[in-house]
Amino acid sequence: VSAVFSGAPLLITGGYRLKCDAAKAKETFTIPRYRDVDLKDKLLLHTLVDGSGCVWNKCSFCSHTRHKQSYQPRPVAEIIAEMKTLTQA
């Protein structure tokens, strides 16, 4: 794999450096509200996010490595609350 990506840019950004504020992202995380929309006959798919960042943090092709963001798991109680909220629609 390293031979394939050797010399490749870590992330194409158009010449500017990306910054990630993990704390701010955590504060602004919201669970979608589907109640106001007629969802009869619709299939709902939701990606459950269990954390942010990466435990490996060494891949040259990944944006997590570029941000130098270590893995930060979400609290289990928060994830369970999200699952309960999504199933109440």
Foldseek 3Di string as FASTA:
>chain_A
DCVVCPPPALDDDPPDADEDDQVVVVVPDDQDDPVVDPCVPHDDDDDQDQWDADCVLPDSNDVSVSNVDHTDGDDPVVSVVSVVVVVVD
